[in-house]
Amino acid sequence: MYEQESQRTSERIKAVIRTQAQKGKFKGSIPPYGYTVGEGKLYIRNDGTPEVVRRVYRLYLEGKGFDSIVRTLIKEGFPTPAQVAVK
């Protein structure tokens, strides 16, 4: 009986999260790098972080690996996701 109720609760929570996502609502504590949250929706930030995201994608498409991209960005002084989240 408890397992069935637990399963139903899980399904209800997933349905709510899915519905909010379909409506464009952000459900989370820290937005993705390059975005900010306002009124429950994600918006592109007005600082340099969106360009960092574009650069990461370009470097990846050029064949660079994760470690290489990270080293490049750190060496050039770009803020980390943790540094941006604190702001």
PDB file of N, CA and C in Angstrom:
ATOM      1  N   MET A   1       0.820  -1.188   0.000  1.00  0.00           N
ATOM      2  CA  MET A   1       0.000   0.000   0.000  1.00  0.00           C
ATOM      3  C   MET A   1       0.875   1.268   0.000  1.00  0.00           C
ATOM      4  N   TYR A   2       1.911   1.264   0.844  1.00  0.00           N
ATOM      5  CA  TYR A   2       2.792   2.434   0.900  1.00  0.00           C
ATOM      6  C   TYR A   2       3.548   2.614  -0.409  1.00  0.00           C
ATOM      7  N   GLU A   3       3.945   1.511  -1.028  1.00  0.00           N
ATOM      8  CA  GLU A   3       4.652   1.592  -2.310  1.00  0.00           C
ATOM      9  C   GLU A   3       3.770   2.205  -3.381  1.00  0.00           C
ATOM     10  N   GLN A   4       2.504   1.817  -3.401  1.00  0.00           N
ATOM     11  CA  GLN A   4       1.579   2.357  -4.394  1.00  0.00           C
ATOM     12  C   GLN A   4       1.382   3.859  -4.204  1.00  0.00           C
ATOM     13  N   GLU A   5       1.240   4.291  -2.964  1.00  0.00           N
ATOM     14  CA  GLU A   5       1.077   5.719  -2.698  1.00  0.00           C
ATOM     15  C   GLU A   5       2.339   6.489  -3.069  1.00  0.00           C
ATOM     16  N   SER A   6       3.486   5.911  -2.775  1.00  0.00           N
ATOM     17  CA  SER A   6       4.758   6.538  -3.141  1.00  0.00           C
ATOM     18  C   SER A   6       4.861   6.680  -4.658  1.00  0.00           C
ATOM     19  N   GLN A   7       4.466   5.654  -5.379  1.00  0.00           N
ATOM     20  CA  GLN A   7       4.502   5.691  -6.841  1.00  0.00           C
ATOM     21  C   GLN A   7       3.544   6.758  -7.381  1.00  0.00           C
ATOM     22  N   ARG A   8       2.346   6.837  -6.811  1.00  0.00           N
ATOM     23  CA  ARG A   8       1.374   7.858  -7.258  1.00  0.00           C
ATOM     24  C   ARG A   8       1.895   9.266  -6.982  1.00  0.00           C
ATOM     25  N   THR A   9       2.494   9.466  -5.817  1.00  0.00           N
ATOM     26  CA  THR A   9       3.060  10.778  -5.478  1.00  0.00           C
ATOM     27  C   THR A   9       4.161  11.149  -6.466  1.00  0.00           C
ATOM     28  N   SER A  10       5.023  10.198  -6.779  1.00  0.00           N
ATOM     29  CA  SER A  10       6.099  10.433  -7.733  1.00  0.00           C
ATOM     30  C   SER A  10       5.538  10.820  -9.098  1.00  0.00           C
ATOM     31  N   GLU A  11       4.520  10.121  -9.542  1.00  0.00           N
ATOM     32  CA  GLU A  11       3.912  10.418 -10.843  1.00  0.00           C
ATOM     33  C   GLU A  11       3.266  11.804 -10.852  1.00  0.00           C
ATOM     34  N   ARG A  12       2.627  12.195  -9.758  1.00  0.00           N
ATOM     35  CA  ARG A  12       2.024  13.527  -9.671  1.00  0.00           C
ATOM     36  C   ARG A  12       3.084  14.623  -9.739  1.00  0.00           C
ATOM     37  N   ILE A  13       4.175  14.432  -9.010  1.00  0.00           N
ATOM     38  CA  ILE A  13       5.250  15.434  -9.002  1.00  0.00           C
ATOM     39  C   ILE A  13       5.853  15.560 -10.394  1.00  0.00           C
ATOM     40  N   LYS A  14       6.104  14.446 -11.049  1.00  0.00           N
ATOM     41  CA  LYS A  14       6.656  14.475 -12.412  1.00  0.00           C
ATOM     42  C   LYS A  14       5.705  15.181 -13.371  1.00  0.00           C
ATOM     43  N   ALA A  15       4.406  14.954 -13.207  1.00  0.00           N
ATOM     44  CA  ALA A  15       3.418  15.598 -14.074  1.00  0.00           C
ATOM     45  C   ALA A  15       3.420  17.109 -13.879  1.00  0.00           C
ATOM     46  N   VAL A  16       3.540  17.572 -12.633  1.00  0.00           N
ATOM     47  CA  VAL A  16       3.587  19.009 -12.351  1.00  0.00           C
ATOM     48  C   VAL A  16       4.829  19.633 -12.969  1.00  0.00           C
ATOM     49  N   ILE A  17       5.973  18.981 -12.794  1.00  0.00           N
ATOM     50  CA  ILE A  17       7.229  19.502 -13.351  1.00  0.00           C
ATOM     51  C   ILE A  17       7.150  19.544 -14.873  1.00  0.00           C
ATOM     52  N   ARG A  18       6.612  18.495 -15.480  1.00  0.00           N
ATOM     53  CA  ARG A  18       6.469  18.442 -16.934  1.00  0.00           C
ATOM     54  C   ARG A  18       5.559  19.567 -17.430  1.00  0.00           C
ATOM     55  N   THR A  19       4.444  19.798 -16.746  1.00  0.00           N
ATOM     56  CA  THR A  19       3.503  20.863 -17.124  1.00  0.00           C
ATOM     57  C   THR A  19       4.162  22.231 -17.023  1.00  0.00           C
ATOM     58  N   GLN A  20       4.908  22.455 -15.948  1.00  0.00           N
ATOM     59  CA  GLN A  20       5.596  23.745 -15.798  1.00  0.00           C
ATOM     60  C   GLN A  20       6.626  23.941 -16.903  1.00  0.00           C
ATOM     61  N   ALA A  21       7.352  22.883 -17.264  1.00  0.00           N
ATOM     62  CA  ALA A  21       8.342  22.984 -18.335  1.00  0.00           C
ATOM     63  C   ALA A  21       7.659  23.300 -19.668  1.00  0.00           C
ATOM     64  N   GLN A  22       6.514  22.679 -19.923  1.00  0.00           N
ATOM     65  CA  GLN A  22       5.780  22.950 -21.166  1.00  0.00           C
ATOM     66  C   GLN A  22       5.284  24.391 -21.223  1.00  0.00           C
ATOM     67  N   LYS A  23       5.028  24.980 -20.064  1.00  0.00           N
ATOM     68  CA  LYS A  23       4.602  26.384 -20.004  1.00  0.00           C
ATOM     69  C   LYS A  23       5.782  27.345 -20.038  1.00  0.00           C
ATOM     70  N   GLY A  24       7.003  26.801 -20.075  1.00  0.00           N
ATOM     71  CA  GLY A  24       8.191  27.639 -20.122  1.00  0.00           C
ATOM     72  C   GLY A  24       8.686  28.091 -18.768  1.00  0.00           C
ATOM     73  N   LYS A  25       8.209  27.494 -17.706  1.00  0.00           N
ATOM     74  CA  LYS A  25       8.631  27.861 -16.346  1.00  0.00           C
ATOM     75  C   LYS A  25       9.903  27.111 -15.972  1.00  0.00           C
ATOM     76  N   PHE A  26      10.822  27.796 -15.318  1.00  0.00           N
ATOM     77  CA  PHE A  26      12.062  27.179 -14.851  1.00  0.00           C
ATOM     78  C   PHE A  26      11.859  26.668 -13.444  1.00  0.00           C
ATOM     79  N   LYS A  27      12.149  25.406 -13.238  1.00  0.00           N
ATOM     80  CA  LYS A  27      12.035  24.799 -11.911  1.00  0.00           C
ATOM     81  C   LYS A  27      13.430  24.351 -11.497  1.00  0.00           C
ATOM     82  N   GLY A  28      14.074  25.164 -10.692  1.00  0.00           N
ATOM     83  CA  GLY A  28      15.407  24.834 -10.227  1.00  0.00           C
ATOM     84  C   GLY A  28      15.925  25.941  -9.349  1.00  0.00           C
ATOM     85  N   SER A  29      17.059  25.695  -8.739  1.00  0.00           N
ATOM     86  CA  SER A  29      17.600  26.705  -7.839  1.00  0.00           C
ATOM     87  C   SER A  29      18.628  27.598  -8.524  1.00  0.00           C
ATOM     88  N   ILE A  30      19.461  27.031  -9.369  1.00  0.00           N
ATOM     89  CA  ILE A  30      20.504  27.806 -10.041  1.00  0.00           C
ATOM     90  C   ILE A  30      20.286  27.696 -11.546  1.00  0.00           C
ATOM     91  N   PRO A  31      20.110  28.815 -12.230  1.00  0.00           N
ATOM     92  CA  PRO A  31      19.884  28.755 -13.677  1.00  0.00           C
ATOM     93  C   PRO A  31      21.147  28.308 -14.417  1.00  0.00           C
ATOM     94  N   PRO A  32      20.988  27.803 -15.630  1.00  0.00           N
ATOM     95  CA  PRO A  32      22.158  27.415 -16.423  1.00  0.00           C
ATOM     96  C   PRO A  32      23.074  28.616 -16.681  1.00  0.00           C
ATOM     97  N   TYR A  33      24.350  28.326 -16.896  1.00  0.00           N
ATOM     98  CA  TYR A  33      25.347  29.361 -17.170  1.00  0.00           C
ATOM     99  C   TYR A  33      24.904  30.179 -18.378  1.00  0.00           C
ATOM    100  N   GLY A  34      24.902  31.486 -18.242  1.00  0.00           N
ATOM    101  CA  GLY A  34      24.505  32.376 -19.325  1.00  0.00           C
ATOM    102  C   GLY A  34      23.060  32.828 -19.241  1.00  0.00           C
ATOM    103  N   TYR A  35      22.330  32.302 -18.246  1.00  0.00           N
ATOM    104  CA  TYR A  35      20.922  32.651 -18.087  1.00  0.00           C
ATOM    105  C   TYR A  35      20.668  33.195 -16.685  1.00  0.00           C
ATOM    106  N   THR A  36      19.567  33.914 -16.556  1.00  0.00           N
ATOM    107  CA  THR A  36      19.093  34.378 -15.265  1.00  0.00           C
ATOM    108  C   THR A  36      17.604  34.051 -15.175  1.00  0.00           C
ATOM    109  N   VAL A  37      17.073  34.015 -13.974  1.00  0.00           N
ATOM    110  CA  VAL A  37      15.658  33.692 -13.788  1.00  0.00           C
ATOM    111  C   VAL A  37      14.903  34.940 -13.360  1.00  0.00           C
ATOM    112  N   GLY A  38      13.784  35.177 -13.990  1.00  0.00           N
ATOM    113  CA  GLY A  38      12.899  36.273 -13.624  1.00  0.00           C
ATOM    114  C   GLY A  38      11.462  35.822 -13.772  1.00  0.00           C
ATOM    115  N   GLU A  39      10.690  35.908 -12.722  1.00  0.00           N
ATOM    116  CA  GLU A  39       9.288  35.504 -12.722  1.00  0.00           C
ATOM    117  C   GLU A  39       9.122  34.051 -13.177  1.00  0.00           C
ATOM    118  N   GLY A  40      10.070  33.199 -12.791  1.00  0.00           N
ATOM    119  CA  GLY A  40       9.972  31.780 -13.101  1.00  0.00           C
ATOM    120  C   GLY A  40      10.402  31.394 -14.502  1.00  0.00           C
ATOM    121  N   LYS A  41      10.901  32.344 -15.292  1.00  0.00           N
ATOM    122  CA  LYS A  41      11.333  32.054 -16.659  1.00  0.00           C
ATOM    123  C   LYS A  41      12.824  32.338 -16.812  1.00  0.00           C
ATOM    124  N   LEU A  42      13.444  31.630 -17.750  1.00  0.00           N
ATOM    125  CA  LEU A  42      14.860  31.846 -18.040  1.00  0.00           C
ATOM    126  C   LEU A  42      15.018  32.967 -19.061  1.00  0.00           C
ATOM    127  N   TYR A  43      15.971  33.849 -18.791  1.00  0.00           N
ATOM    128  CA  TYR A  43      16.308  34.933 -19.710  1.00  0.00           C
ATOM    129  C   TYR A  43      17.812  34.948 -19.909  1.00  0.00           C
ATOM    130  N   ILE A  44      18.240  35.332 -21.105  1.00  0.00           N
ATOM    131  CA  ILE A  44      19.669  35.441 -21.388  1.00  0.00           C
ATOM    132  C   ILE A  44      20.226  36.606 -20.586  1.00  0.00           C
ATOM    133  N   ARG A  45      21.366  36.368 -19.932  1.00  0.00           N
ATOM    134  CA  ARG A  45      21.985  37.401 -19.095  1.00  0.00           C
ATOM    135  C   ARG A  45      22.496  38.562 -19.954  1.00  0.00           C
ATOM    136  N   ASN A  46      22.660  39.718 -19.332  1.00  0.00           N
ATOM    137  CA  ASN A  46      23.167  40.902 -20.028  1.00  0.00           C
ATOM    138  C   ASN A  46      24.632  41.138 -19.744  1.00  0.00           C
ATOM    139  N   ASP A  47      25.356  40.067 -19.410  1.00  0.00           N
ATOM    140  CA  ASP A  47      26.795  40.215 -19.182  1.00  0.00           C
ATOM    141  C   ASP A  47      27.528  39.383 -20.240  1.00  0.00           C
ATOM    142  N   GLY A  48      28.751  39.042 -19.997  1.00  0.00           N
ATOM    143  CA  GLY A  48      29.546  38.311 -20.983  1.00  0.00           C
ATOM    144  C   GLY A  48      29.337  36.808 -21.005  1.00  0.00           C
ATOM    145  N   THR A  49      28.533  36.284 -20.092  1.00  0.00           N
ATOM    146  CA  THR A  49      28.407  34.828 -20.009  1.00  0.00           C
ATOM    147  C   THR A  49      27.756  34.174 -21.231  1.00  0.00           C
ATOM    148  N   PRO A  50      26.777  34.789 -21.904  1.00  0.00           N
ATOM    149  CA  PRO A  50      26.248  34.127 -23.109  1.00  0.00           C
ATOM    150  C   PRO A  50      27.322  33.933 -24.189  1.00  0.00           C
ATOM    151  N   GLU A  51      28.230  34.880 -24.300  1.00  0.00           N
ATOM    152  CA  GLU A  51      29.313  34.733 -25.277  1.00  0.00           C
ATOM    153  C   GLU A  51      30.257  33.602 -24.874  1.00  0.00           C
ATOM    154  N   VAL A  52      30.446  33.398 -23.577  1.00  0.00           N
ATOM    155  CA  VAL A  52      31.274  32.284 -23.108  1.00  0.00           C
ATOM    156  C   VAL A  52      30.625  30.962 -23.522  1.00  0.00           C
ATOM    157  N   VAL A  53      29.314  30.859 -23.379  1.00  0.00           N
ATOM    158  CA  VAL A  53      28.600  29.648 -23.777  1.00  0.00           C
ATOM    159  C   VAL A  53      28.776  29.401 -25.274  1.00  0.00           C
ATOM    160  N   ARG A  54      28.617  30.442 -26.075  1.00  0.00           N
ATOM    161  CA  ARG A  54      28.807  30.298 -27.524  1.00  0.00           C
ATOM    162  C   ARG A  54      30.227  29.844 -27.843  1.00  0.00           C
ATOM    163  N   ARG A  55      31.176  30.390 -27.124  1.00  0.00           N
ATOM    164  CA  ARG A  55      32.572  30.024 -27.347  1.00  0.00           C
ATOM    165  C   ARG A  55      32.825  28.567 -26.981  1.00  0.00           C
ATOM    166  N   VAL A  56      32.249  28.108 -25.883  1.00  0.00           N
ATOM    167  CA  VAL A  56      32.401  26.703 -25.495  1.00  0.00           C
ATOM    168  C   VAL A  56      31.890  25.805 -26.616  1.00  0.00           C
ATOM    169  N   TYR A  57      30.737  26.126 -27.183  1.00  0.00           N
ATOM    170  CA  TYR A  57      30.200  25.323 -28.276  1.00  0.00           C
ATOM    171  C   TYR A  57      31.112  25.361 -29.500  1.00  0.00           C
ATOM    172  N   ARG A  58      31.623  26.547 -29.831  1.00  0.00           N
ATOM    173  CA  ARG A  58      32.531  26.643 -30.986  1.00  0.00           C
ATOM    174  C   ARG A  58      33.777  25.796 -30.778  1.00  0.00           C
ATOM    175  N   LEU A  59      34.372  25.893 -29.584  1.00  0.00           N
ATOM    176  CA  LEU A  59      35.573  25.108 -29.296  1.00  0.00           C
ATOM    177  C   LEU A  59      35.280  23.612 -29.371  1.00  0.00           C
ATOM    178  N   TYR A  60      34.124  23.209 -28.868  1.00  0.00           N
ATOM    179  CA  TYR A  60      33.752  21.794 -28.918  1.00  0.00           C
ATOM    180  C   TYR A  60      33.593  21.328 -30.365  1.00  0.00           C
ATOM    181  N   LEU A  61      32.925  22.158 -31.180  1.00  0.00           N
ATOM    182  CA  LEU A  61      32.736  21.789 -32.582  1.00  0.00           C
ATOM    183  C   LEU A  61      34.040  21.769 -33.353  1.00  0.00           C
ATOM    184  N   GLU A  62      35.047  22.504 -32.860  1.00  0.00           N
ATOM    185  CA  GLU A  62      36.376  22.481 -33.474  1.00  0.00           C
ATOM    186  C   GLU A  62      37.168  21.241 -33.068  1.00  0.00           C
ATOM    187  N   GLY A  63      36.587  20.442 -32.164  1.00  0.00           N
ATOM    188  CA  GLY A  63      37.252  19.202 -31.767  1.00  0.00           C
ATOM    189  C   GLY A  63      37.972  19.258 -30.433  1.00  0.00           C
ATOM    190  N   LYS A  64      37.844  20.357 -29.716  1.00  0.00           N
ATOM    191  CA  LYS A  64      38.483  20.467 -28.401  1.00  0.00           C
ATOM    192  C   LYS A  64      37.729  19.618 -27.390  1.00  0.00           C
ATOM    193  N   GLY A  65      38.457  19.055 -26.435  1.00  0.00           N
ATOM    194  CA  GLY A  65      37.846  18.261 -25.385  1.00  0.00           C
ATOM    195  C   GLY A  65      37.492  19.109 -24.178  1.00  0.00           C
ATOM    196  N   PHE A  66      36.795  18.492 -23.244  1.00  0.00           N
ATOM    197  CA  PHE A  66      36.343  19.175 -22.039  1.00  0.00           C
ATOM    198  C   PHE A  66      37.504  19.826 -21.296  1.00  0.00           C
ATOM    199  N   ASP A  67      38.563  19.060 -21.019  1.00  0.00           N
ATOM    200  CA  ASP A  67      39.702  19.594 -20.260  1.00  0.00           C
ATOM    201  C   ASP A  67      40.376  20.750 -20.988  1.00  0.00           C
ATOM    202  N   SER A  68      40.513  20.621 -22.287  1.00  0.00           N
ATOM    203  CA  SER A  68      41.150  21.674 -23.077  1.00  0.00           C
ATOM    204  C   SER A  68      40.324  22.965 -23.035  1.00  0.00           C
ATOM    205  N   ILE A  69      39.023  22.828 -23.154  1.00  0.00           N
ATOM    206  CA  ILE A  69      38.139  24.002 -23.118  1.00  0.00           C
ATOM    207  C   ILE A  69      38.223  24.674 -21.751  1.00  0.00           C
ATOM    208  N   VAL A  70      38.162  23.889 -20.692  1.00  0.00           N
ATOM    209  CA  VAL A  70      38.224  24.443 -19.331  1.00  0.00           C
ATOM    210  C   VAL A  70      39.541  25.166 -19.109  1.00  0.00           C
ATOM    211  N   ARG A  71      40.644  24.537 -19.485  1.00  0.00           N
ATOM    212  CA  ARG A  71      41.960  25.182 -19.298  1.00  0.00           C
ATOM    213  C   ARG A  71      42.047  26.497 -20.064  1.00  0.00           C
ATOM    214  N   THR A  72      41.529  26.505 -21.281  1.00  0.00           N
ATOM    215  CA  THR A  72      41.554  27.724 -22.099  1.00  0.00           C
ATOM    216  C   THR A  72      40.766  28.848 -21.434  1.00  0.00           C
ATOM    217  N   LEU A  73      39.569  28.535 -20.978  1.00  0.00           N
ATOM    218  CA  LEU A  73      38.716  29.571 -20.379  1.00  0.00           C
ATOM    219  C   LEU A  73      39.292  30.080 -19.055  1.00  0.00           C
ATOM    220  N   ILE A  74      39.842  29.184 -18.249  1.00  0.00           N
ATOM    221  CA  ILE A  74      40.447  29.604 -16.980  1.00  0.00           C
ATOM    222  C   ILE A  74      41.671  30.473 -17.239  1.00  0.00           C
ATOM    223  N   LYS A  75      42.492  30.054 -18.189  1.00  0.00           N
ATOM    224  CA  LYS A  75      43.699  30.816 -18.518  1.00  0.00           C
ATOM    225  C   LYS A  75      43.360  32.228 -18.995  1.00  0.00           C
ATOM    226  N   GLU A  76      42.244  32.359 -19.696  1.00  0.00           N
ATOM    227  CA  GLU A  76      41.834  33.667 -20.215  1.00  0.00           C
ATOM    228  C   GLU A  76      41.020  34.472 -19.206  1.00  0.00           C
ATOM    229  N   GLY A  77      40.767  33.907 -18.025  1.00  0.00           N
ATOM    230  CA  GLY A  77      40.134  34.654 -16.949  1.00  0.00           C
ATOM    231  C   GLY A  77      38.614  34.734 -16.980  1.00  0.00           C
ATOM    232  N   PHE A  78      37.968  33.852 -17.714  1.00  0.00           N
ATOM    233  CA  PHE A  78      36.501  33.868 -17.737  1.00  0.00           C
ATOM    234  C   PHE A  78      35.956  33.370 -16.406  1.00  0.00           C
ATOM    235  N   PRO A  79      34.823  33.917 -15.938  1.00  0.00           N
ATOM    236  CA  PRO A  79      34.252  33.482 -14.662  1.00  0.00           C
ATOM    237  C   PRO A  79      33.697  32.056 -14.756  1.00  0.00           C
ATOM    238  N   THR A  80      33.841  31.323 -13.678  1.00  0.00           N
ATOM    239  CA  THR A  80      33.305  29.962 -13.603  1.00  0.00           C
ATOM    240  C   THR A  80      31.811  30.020 -13.315  1.00  0.00           C
ATOM    241  N   PRO A  81      31.089  28.933 -13.520  1.00  0.00           N
ATOM    242  CA  PRO A  81      29.662  28.924 -13.175  1.00  0.00           C
ATOM    243  C   PRO A  81      29.426  29.250 -11.706  1.00  0.00           C
ATOM    244  N   ALA A  82      30.283  28.777 -10.809  1.00  0.00           N
ATOM    245  CA  ALA A  82      30.122  29.075  -9.382  1.00  0.00           C
ATOM    246  C   ALA A  82      30.290  30.569  -9.105  1.00  0.00           C
ATOM    247  N   GLN A  83      31.234  31.207  -9.781  1.00  0.00           N
ATOM    248  CA  GLN A  83      31.436  32.638  -9.595  1.00  0.00           C
ATOM    249  C   GLN A  83      30.244  33.439 -10.101  1.00  0.00           C
ATOM    250  N   VAL A  84      29.660  33.014 -11.193  1.00  0.00           N
ATOM    251  CA  VAL A  84      28.504  33.713 -11.763  1.00  0.00           C
ATOM    252  C   VAL A  84      27.278  33.504 -10.890  1.00  0.00           C
ATOM    253  N   ALA A  85      27.117  32.316 -10.316  1.00  0.00           N
ATOM    254  CA  ALA A  85      25.948  32.013  -9.480  1.00  0.00           C
ATOM    255  C   ALA A  85      25.919  32.852  -8.217  1.00  0.00           C
ATOM    256  N   VAL A  86      27.080  33.256  -7.719  1.00  0.00           N
ATOM    257  CA  VAL A  86      27.164  34.054  -6.496  1.00  0.00           C
ATOM    258  C   VAL A  86      26.702  35.482  -6.741  1.00  0.00           C
ATOM    259  N   LYS A  87      26.855  35.977  -7.946  1.00  0.00           N
ATOM    260  CA  LYS A  87      26.521  37.376  -8.268  1.00  0.00           C
ATOM    261  C   LYS A  87      25.053  37.635  -8.161  1.00  0.00           C
TER     262      LYS A  87
END
